[in-house]
Amino acid sequence: MVKDELRKYQIRADIVKAMAHRTRLFIMQKINEKRYSVNDLRNMIGCDLSTVSKHINVLKKSGIIIGCKEGTSIYYSLKVPCIMNFMDCIETLIRENAIEQLKDI
């Protein structure tokens, strides 16, 4: 592969890697529905604030989410909501795999 191609695939891999945690997937799903602050997310997730903040930072660093300051809080949303189409594709794959497994029984 040429250098430009390798760089393109590395960027893609970095984004997918940032999503590869159940808490970050949860955060993505929630902020796709509505903007939330880190405290809102902490209450939903049930982790300490520093853990949720670390997950937020991973998603921000990869460019998946953005924050908008309102008063003393920052509210997060997806930078490009179409990323959830990828999640829909994963759900389809999960269903298809389950159907195939049932056929093997």
N, C-alpha and C. Protein backbone atom coordinates (compact mmCIF):
# COMPACT_ATOMS: atom_id res chain seq x y z
N MET A 1 0.84 -1.19 0.00
CA MET A 1 0.00 0.00 0.00
C MET A 1 0.88 1.25 0.00
N VAL A 2 0.36 2.24 -0.62
CA VAL A 2 1.10 3.51 -0.63
C VAL A 2 0.87 4.25 0.68
N LYS A 3 1.75 5.19 0.95
CA LYS A 3 1.74 5.91 2.21
C LYS A 3 0.39 6.60 2.48
N ASP A 4 -0.20 7.24 1.46
CA ASP A 4 -1.48 7.92 1.64
C ASP A 4 -2.60 6.94 2.01
N GLU A 5 -2.57 5.77 1.37
CA GLU A 5 -3.58 4.75 1.70
C GLU A 5 -3.42 4.28 3.14
N LEU A 6 -2.20 4.03 3.55
CA LEU A 6 -1.95 3.60 4.91
C LEU A 6 -2.43 4.63 5.92
N ARG A 7 -2.19 5.88 5.63
CA ARG A 7 -2.63 6.96 6.53
C ARG A 7 -4.15 7.01 6.62
N LYS A 8 -4.83 6.84 5.50
CA LYS A 8 -6.29 6.84 5.46
C LYS A 8 -6.84 5.70 6.32
N TYR A 9 -6.26 4.51 6.18
CA TYR A 9 -6.74 3.37 6.97
C TYR A 9 -6.39 3.52 8.45
N GLN A 10 -5.27 4.17 8.76
CA GLN A 10 -4.92 4.41 10.15
C GLN A 10 -5.91 5.35 10.81
N ILE A 11 -6.30 6.40 10.10
CA ILE A 11 -7.28 7.35 10.63
C ILE A 11 -8.60 6.63 10.88
N ARG A 12 -9.02 5.80 9.95
CA ARG A 12 -10.25 5.02 10.13
C ARG A 12 -10.14 4.11 11.35
N ALA A 13 -9.01 3.43 11.46
CA ALA A 13 -8.81 2.51 12.58
C ALA A 13 -8.84 3.26 13.91
N ASP A 14 -8.27 4.46 13.95
CA ASP A 14 -8.26 5.26 15.17
C ASP A 14 -9.69 5.63 15.59
N ILE A 15 -10.53 5.97 14.63
CA ILE A 15 -11.92 6.31 14.94
C ILE A 15 -12.67 5.10 15.45
N VAL A 16 -12.51 3.96 14.77
CA VAL A 16 -13.19 2.74 15.21
C VAL A 16 -12.68 2.33 16.60
N LYS A 17 -11.39 2.47 16.84
CA LYS A 17 -10.81 2.15 18.14
C LYS A 17 -11.40 3.03 19.24
N ALA A 18 -11.63 4.29 18.94
CA ALA A 18 -12.22 5.20 19.92
C ALA A 18 -13.64 4.77 20.28
N MET A 19 -14.34 4.16 19.35
CA MET A 19 -15.71 3.72 19.61
C MET A 19 -15.75 2.36 20.31
N ALA A 20 -14.64 1.66 20.35
CA ALA A 20 -14.61 0.26 20.78
C ALA A 20 -14.63 0.09 22.30
N HIS A 21 -15.63 0.66 22.93
CA HIS A 21 -15.84 0.47 24.36
C HIS A 21 -17.32 0.65 24.63
N ARG A 22 -17.88 -0.22 25.44
CA ARG A 22 -19.33 -0.17 25.65
C ARG A 22 -19.81 1.15 26.23
N THR A 23 -19.02 1.76 27.10
CA THR A 23 -19.42 3.04 27.68
C THR A 23 -19.42 4.14 26.62
N ARG A 24 -18.43 4.12 25.75
CA ARG A 24 -18.39 5.13 24.69
C ARG A 24 -19.52 4.93 23.68
N LEU A 25 -19.86 3.68 23.40
CA LEU A 25 -21.00 3.41 22.52
C LEU A 25 -22.29 3.92 23.17
N PHE A 26 -22.42 3.72 24.48
CA PHE A 26 -23.58 4.21 25.22
C PHE A 26 -23.65 5.75 25.13
N ILE A 27 -22.52 6.40 25.35
CA ILE A 27 -22.47 7.86 25.28
C ILE A 27 -22.89 8.33 23.89
N MET A 28 -22.37 7.68 22.87
CA MET A 28 -22.72 8.06 21.50
C MET A 28 -24.22 7.92 21.27
N GLN A 29 -24.80 6.83 21.73
CA GLN A 29 -26.23 6.61 21.54
C GLN A 29 -27.04 7.69 22.25
N LYS A 30 -26.67 7.97 23.49
CA LYS A 30 -27.42 8.96 24.27
C LYS A 30 -27.32 10.36 23.66
N ILE A 31 -26.11 10.78 23.29
CA ILE A 31 -25.99 12.14 22.75
C ILE A 31 -26.49 12.23 21.32
N ASN A 32 -26.75 11.10 20.70
CA ASN A 32 -27.44 11.12 19.41
C ASN A 32 -28.91 11.49 19.61
N GLU A 33 -29.46 11.08 20.75
CA GLU A 33 -30.86 11.35 21.07
C GLU A 33 -31.06 12.79 21.53
N LYS A 34 -30.08 13.29 22.30
CA LYS A 34 -30.19 14.62 22.90
C LYS A 34 -28.83 15.03 23.45
N ARG A 35 -28.57 16.33 23.53
CA ARG A 35 -27.30 16.79 24.09
C ARG A 35 -27.29 16.58 25.60
N TYR A 36 -26.16 16.12 26.12
CA TYR A 36 -26.01 15.90 27.55
C TYR A 36 -24.70 16.47 28.05
N SER A 37 -24.69 16.85 29.32
CA SER A 37 -23.45 17.27 29.98
C SER A 37 -22.75 16.04 30.54
N VAL A 38 -21.52 16.21 30.96
CA VAL A 38 -20.77 15.09 31.54
C VAL A 38 -21.45 14.62 32.83
N ASN A 39 -22.04 15.54 33.60
CA ASN A 39 -22.75 15.14 34.82
C ASN A 39 -24.00 14.33 34.51
N ASP A 40 -24.73 14.74 33.45
CA ASP A 40 -25.89 13.95 33.03
C ASP A 40 -25.46 12.54 32.66
N LEU A 41 -24.40 12.44 31.88
CA LEU A 41 -23.91 11.13 31.45
C LEU A 41 -23.41 10.31 32.63
N ARG A 42 -22.73 10.96 33.55
CA ARG A 42 -22.25 10.26 34.75
C ARG A 42 -23.41 9.65 35.51
N ASN A 43 -24.50 10.39 35.65
CA ASN A 43 -25.67 9.86 36.36
C ASN A 43 -26.28 8.67 35.64
N MET A 44 -26.29 8.70 34.32
CA MET A 44 -26.84 7.58 33.54
C MET A 44 -25.94 6.36 33.59
N ILE A 45 -24.63 6.59 33.52
CA ILE A 45 -23.67 5.49 33.44
C ILE A 45 -23.39 4.89 34.82
N GLY A 46 -23.35 5.74 35.83
CA GLY A 46 -23.09 5.26 37.17
C GLY A 46 -21.62 5.13 37.51
N CYS A 47 -20.75 5.74 36.72
CA CYS A 47 -19.31 5.75 37.00
C CYS A 47 -18.93 7.07 37.64
N ASP A 48 -17.71 7.14 38.14
CA ASP A 48 -17.26 8.41 38.70
C ASP A 48 -16.98 9.39 37.55
N LEU A 49 -16.99 10.66 37.90
CA LEU A 49 -16.87 11.74 36.93
C LEU A 49 -15.58 11.64 36.11
N SER A 50 -14.49 11.28 36.75
CA SER A 50 -13.21 11.23 36.02
C SER A 50 -13.23 10.14 34.94
N THR A 51 -13.88 9.03 35.21
CA THR A 51 -13.97 7.95 34.21
C THR A 51 -14.80 8.39 33.01
N VAL A 52 -15.94 9.01 33.28
CA VAL A 52 -16.79 9.49 32.20
C VAL A 52 -16.04 10.56 31.40
N SER A 53 -15.34 11.44 32.08
CA SER A 53 -14.56 12.49 31.40
C SER A 53 -13.50 11.89 30.49
N LYS A 54 -12.86 10.81 30.92
CA LYS A 54 -11.86 10.15 30.08
C LYS A 54 -12.50 9.60 28.81
N HIS A 55 -13.67 8.99 28.96
CA HIS A 55 -14.38 8.48 27.78
C HIS A 55 -14.76 9.61 26.84
N ILE A 56 -15.25 10.72 27.40
CA ILE A 56 -15.59 11.90 26.60
C ILE A 56 -14.37 12.39 25.84
N ASN A 57 -13.23 12.45 26.51
CA ASN A 57 -12.02 12.94 25.87
C ASN A 57 -11.56 12.05 24.72
N VAL A 58 -11.71 10.74 24.87
CA VAL A 58 -11.36 9.82 23.78
C VAL A 58 -12.23 10.10 22.56
N LEU A 59 -13.54 10.27 22.79
CA LEU A 59 -14.46 10.55 21.69
C LEU A 59 -14.21 11.92 21.07
N LYS A 60 -13.86 12.91 21.90
CA LYS A 60 -13.55 14.24 21.38
C LYS A 60 -12.26 14.22 20.56
N LYS A 61 -11.24 13.56 21.07
CA LYS A 61 -9.96 13.51 20.39
C LYS A 61 -10.07 12.87 19.01
N SER A 62 -10.96 11.89 18.89
CA SER A 62 -11.13 11.22 17.60
C SER A 62 -12.06 12.01 16.67
N GLY A 63 -12.66 13.08 17.19
CA GLY A 63 -13.54 13.91 16.37
C GLY A 63 -14.96 13.40 16.26
N ILE A 64 -15.33 12.43 17.09
CA ILE A 64 -16.68 11.86 17.03
C ILE A 64 -17.70 12.78 17.68
N ILE A 65 -17.31 13.42 18.78
CA ILE A 65 -18.24 14.32 19.48
C ILE A 65 -17.64 15.71 19.62
N ILE A 66 -18.54 16.65 19.84
CA ILE A 66 -18.12 18.03 20.07
C ILE A 66 -18.85 18.54 21.31
N GLY A 67 -18.26 19.52 21.96
CA GLY A 67 -18.87 20.13 23.13
C GLY A 67 -19.24 21.57 22.87
N CYS A 68 -20.34 21.99 23.46
CA CYS A 68 -20.80 23.37 23.34
C CYS A 68 -21.03 23.91 24.75
N LYS A 69 -20.29 24.94 25.12
CA LYS A 69 -20.40 25.50 26.46
C LYS A 69 -21.65 26.35 26.59
N GLU A 70 -22.42 26.07 27.63
CA GLU A 70 -23.60 26.85 27.96
C GLU A 70 -23.56 27.13 29.46
N GLY A 71 -23.31 28.36 29.81
CA GLY A 71 -23.15 28.71 31.23
C GLY A 71 -21.91 28.04 31.76
N THR A 72 -22.07 27.27 32.83
CA THR A 72 -20.92 26.58 33.43
C THR A 72 -20.79 25.14 32.95
N SER A 73 -21.70 24.69 32.10
CA SER A 73 -21.68 23.29 31.63
C SER A 73 -21.31 23.22 30.15
N ILE A 74 -20.78 22.06 29.78
CA ILE A 74 -20.51 21.76 28.37
C ILE A 74 -21.46 20.63 27.99
N TYR A 75 -22.18 20.84 26.91
CA TYR A 75 -23.12 19.84 26.42
C TYR A 75 -22.54 19.21 25.16
N TYR A 76 -22.61 17.88 25.11
CA TYR A 76 -21.98 17.14 24.03
C TYR A 76 -22.99 16.63 23.03
N SER A 77 -22.55 16.61 21.77
CA SER A 77 -23.36 16.07 20.68
C SER A 77 -22.42 15.41 19.68
N LEU A 78 -23.00 14.62 18.80
CA LEU A 78 -22.20 13.98 17.75
C LEU A 78 -21.80 15.03 16.72
N LYS A 79 -20.56 14.97 16.31
CA LYS A 79 -20.08 15.91 15.28
C LYS A 79 -20.80 15.63 13.96
N VAL A 80 -20.91 14.36 13.61
CA VAL A 80 -21.64 13.96 12.40
C VAL A 80 -22.58 12.80 12.79
N PRO A 81 -23.85 13.11 12.97
CA PRO A 81 -24.81 12.09 13.40
C PRO A 81 -24.87 10.85 12.50
N CYS A 82 -24.41 10.98 11.26
CA CYS A 82 -24.45 9.82 10.36
C CYS A 82 -23.56 8.67 10.85
N ILE A 83 -22.70 8.93 11.84
CA ILE A 83 -21.89 7.84 12.40
C ILE A 83 -22.78 6.75 12.98
N MET A 84 -24.00 7.12 13.35
CA MET A 84 -24.93 6.14 13.90
C MET A 84 -25.41 5.17 12.82
N ASN A 85 -25.24 5.51 11.54
CA ASN A 85 -25.54 4.55 10.47
C ASN A 85 -24.63 3.34 10.59
N PHE A 86 -23.41 3.56 11.04
CA PHE A 86 -22.47 2.47 11.28
C PHE A 86 -23.01 1.56 12.38
N MET A 87 -23.60 2.17 13.41
CA MET A 87 -24.19 1.38 14.50
C MET A 87 -25.39 0.58 13.98
N ASP A 88 -26.19 1.18 13.11
CA ASP A 88 -27.32 0.46 12.52
C ASP A 88 -26.82 -0.75 11.73
N CYS A 89 -25.73 -0.59 11.02
CA CYS A 89 -25.14 -1.68 10.26
C CYS A 89 -24.68 -2.80 11.21
N ILE A 90 -24.09 -2.43 12.33
CA ILE A 90 -23.65 -3.42 13.31
C ILE A 90 -24.86 -4.19 13.86
N GLU A 91 -25.94 -3.47 14.15
CA GLU A 91 -27.16 -4.13 14.64
C GLU A 91 -27.70 -5.13 13.61
N THR A 92 -27.65 -4.77 12.35
CA THR A 92 -28.08 -5.68 11.29
C THR A 92 -27.19 -6.92 11.27
N LEU A 93 -25.91 -6.73 11.41
CA LEU A 93 -24.96 -7.85 11.45
C LEU A 93 -25.24 -8.76 12.64
N ILE A 94 -25.53 -8.17 13.80
CA ILE A 94 -25.85 -8.96 14.99
C ILE A 94 -27.08 -9.82 14.74
N ARG A 95 -28.12 -9.22 14.15
CA ARG A 95 -29.36 -9.97 13.85
C ARG A 95 -29.09 -11.10 12.86
N GLU A 96 -28.33 -10.80 11.80
CA GLU A 96 -28.02 -11.81 10.78
C GLU A 96 -27.22 -12.96 11.39
N ASN A 97 -26.26 -12.63 12.24
CA ASN A 97 -25.47 -13.68 12.89
C ASN A 97 -26.33 -14.54 13.80
N ALA A 98 -27.28 -13.92 14.50
CA ALA A 98 -28.18 -14.67 15.39
C ALA A 98 -29.06 -15.61 14.57
N ILE A 99 -29.54 -15.14 13.43
CA ILE A 99 -30.37 -15.99 12.57
C ILE A 99 -29.57 -17.19 12.07
N GLU A 100 -28.34 -16.95 11.66
CA GLU A 100 -27.48 -18.04 11.19
C GLU A 100 -27.20 -19.04 12.30
N GLN A 101 -26.99 -18.56 13.51
CA GLN A 101 -26.72 -19.45 14.63
C GLN A 101 -27.93 -20.31 14.94
N LEU A 102 -29.13 -19.74 14.82
CA LEU A 102 -30.35 -20.51 15.05
C LEU A 102 -30.53 -21.60 13.99
N LYS A 103 -30.11 -21.32 12.77
CA LYS A 103 -30.20 -22.33 11.70
C LYS A 103 -29.29 -23.52 11.98
N ASP A 104 -28.19 -23.26 12.69
CA ASP A 104 -27.20 -24.32 12.98
C ASP A 104 -27.63 -25.22 14.14
N ILE A 105 -28.69 -24.82 14.84
CA ILE A 105 -29.14 -25.61 16.01
C ILE A 105 -29.94 -26.80 15.56
